[in-house]
Amino acid sequence: MKDIKVLGIDLAKNIFQIHGTNADGKCVLRKRLSREKLAEYIAKIKPCTIGIEASMGAHYWGRVFQNLGHTVKIMSLQFVKPYVMSNKNDCNDEQVAEI
């Protein structure tokens, strides 16, 4: 798989948006995944840092990703909001989660 250093994931009910960047901060991955396929796909990626926004399922998914060897950073909503400039949608959210 691509040389992903940081992965941002927008957690949702059914469809998850993921956005991966390399060491230079360049986007190397953008993908939409269903709930059933998320853990399977993340397991194929070399260990990296995963950023997710704090939500009801954030700690569950954080444990799943940590068990797969990744480092997980959960950001509180108050720290995510300043990054959202406009065009609020899931695809833009996952880019913010990785910051």
Protein backbone atom coordinates (compact mmCIF):
# COMPACT_ATOMS: atom_id res chain seq x y z
CA MET A 1 0.00 0.00 0.00
CA LYS A 2 1.04 3.62 -0.38
CA ASP A 3 3.43 5.20 2.11
CA ILE A 4 0.77 6.57 4.45
CA LYS A 5 2.01 8.39 7.56
CA VAL A 6 -1.22 10.04 8.77
CA LEU A 7 -4.75 8.84 8.17
CA GLY A 8 -7.85 10.92 8.92
CA ILE A 9 -11.14 9.11 9.33
CA ASP A 10 -14.58 10.67 9.56
CA LEU A 11 -16.60 8.23 11.62
CA ALA A 12 -20.22 7.95 10.61
CA LYS A 13 -23.14 5.59 10.93
CA ASN A 14 -22.70 3.55 7.75
CA ILE A 15 -20.19 5.11 5.35
CA PHE A 16 -16.74 6.25 6.50
CA GLN A 17 -14.48 8.69 4.64
CA ILE A 18 -10.72 8.19 4.93
CA HIS A 19 -7.93 10.50 3.80
CA GLY A 20 -4.27 9.49 3.93
CA THR A 21 -1.18 11.64 3.56
CA ASN A 22 2.49 10.81 3.19
CA ALA A 23 5.41 12.27 5.18
CA ASP A 24 5.33 15.42 3.02
CA GLY A 25 1.63 16.00 3.73
CA LYS A 26 0.59 15.14 0.19
CA CYS A 27 -2.71 13.28 -0.25
CA VAL A 28 -2.04 9.68 -1.28
CA LEU A 29 -5.39 8.09 -0.38
CA ARG A 30 -9.07 9.08 -0.48
CA LYS A 31 -11.66 6.40 -0.03
CA ARG A 32 -15.22 5.74 1.12
CA LEU A 33 -15.76 2.52 3.04
CA SER A 34 -18.73 0.80 4.60
CA ARG A 35 -18.77 -0.05 8.29
CA GLU A 36 -18.20 -3.73 7.52
CA LYS A 37 -15.08 -3.11 5.43
CA LEU A 38 -13.35 -0.40 7.50
CA ALA A 39 -11.37 -2.60 9.93
CA GLU A 40 -10.45 -5.02 7.14
CA TYR A 41 -9.07 -2.19 5.00
CA ILE A 42 -7.19 -0.50 7.88
CA ALA A 43 -5.58 -3.85 8.74
CA LYS A 44 -3.90 -3.86 5.30
CA ILE A 45 -2.25 -0.46 5.87
CA LYS A 46 1.18 -0.27 7.50
CA PRO A 47 1.00 1.14 11.05
CA CYS A 48 0.52 4.91 11.00
CA THR A 49 -1.10 7.68 13.02
CA ILE A 50 -4.89 7.79 12.71
CA GLY A 51 -6.83 10.93 13.63
CA ILE A 52 -10.52 10.71 14.45
CA GLU A 53 -13.04 13.19 15.80
CA ALA A 54 -14.43 12.42 19.25
CA SER A 55 -17.89 10.89 18.96
CA MET A 56 -19.97 8.09 20.43
CA GLY A 57 -18.03 5.41 18.56
CA ALA A 58 -14.58 7.01 18.63
CA HIS A 59 -13.23 4.98 21.55
CA TYR A 60 -14.51 1.71 20.09
CA TRP A 61 -12.86 2.40 16.74
CA GLY A 62 -9.75 3.69 18.49
CA ARG A 63 -9.34 0.34 20.25
CA VAL A 64 -9.92 -1.54 16.99
CA PHE A 65 -7.23 0.50 15.20
CA GLN A 66 -4.77 0.23 18.12
CA ASN A 67 -5.18 -3.55 18.13
CA LEU A 68 -4.16 -3.44 14.47
CA GLY A 69 -0.91 -1.64 15.42
CA HIS A 70 -1.84 1.97 14.63
CA THR A 71 -1.43 5.04 16.86
CA VAL A 72 -4.78 6.74 17.41
CA LYS A 73 -5.37 10.41 18.20
CA ILE A 74 -8.91 11.40 19.18
CA MET A 75 -9.65 15.10 18.77
CA SER A 76 -12.35 16.86 20.75
CA LEU A 77 -14.98 18.62 18.65
CA GLN A 78 -13.95 22.02 20.03
CA PHE A 79 -10.50 21.56 18.47
CA VAL A 80 -11.84 20.27 15.14
CA LYS A 81 -14.30 23.11 14.48
CA PRO A 82 -11.64 25.80 13.77
CA TYR A 83 -10.32 23.70 10.85
CA VAL A 84 -13.71 23.50 9.12
CA MET A 85 -13.76 26.59 6.93
CA SER A 86 -16.73 25.96 4.65
CA ASN A 87 -18.50 23.31 2.59
CA LYS A 88 -19.29 21.09 5.55
CA ASN A 89 -19.50 17.46 4.46
CA ASP A 90 -18.04 14.08 5.37
CA CYS A 91 -15.27 14.22 2.76
CA ASN A 92 -14.04 17.55 4.13
CA ASP A 93 -14.39 16.31 7.73
CA GLU A 94 -11.98 13.42 7.27
CA GLN A 95 -9.29 15.79 6.03
CA VAL A 96 -9.73 17.82 9.21
CA ALA A 97 -9.63 14.74 11.44
CA GLU A 98 -6.15 13.93 10.25
CA ILE A 99 -4.71 17.30 11.38
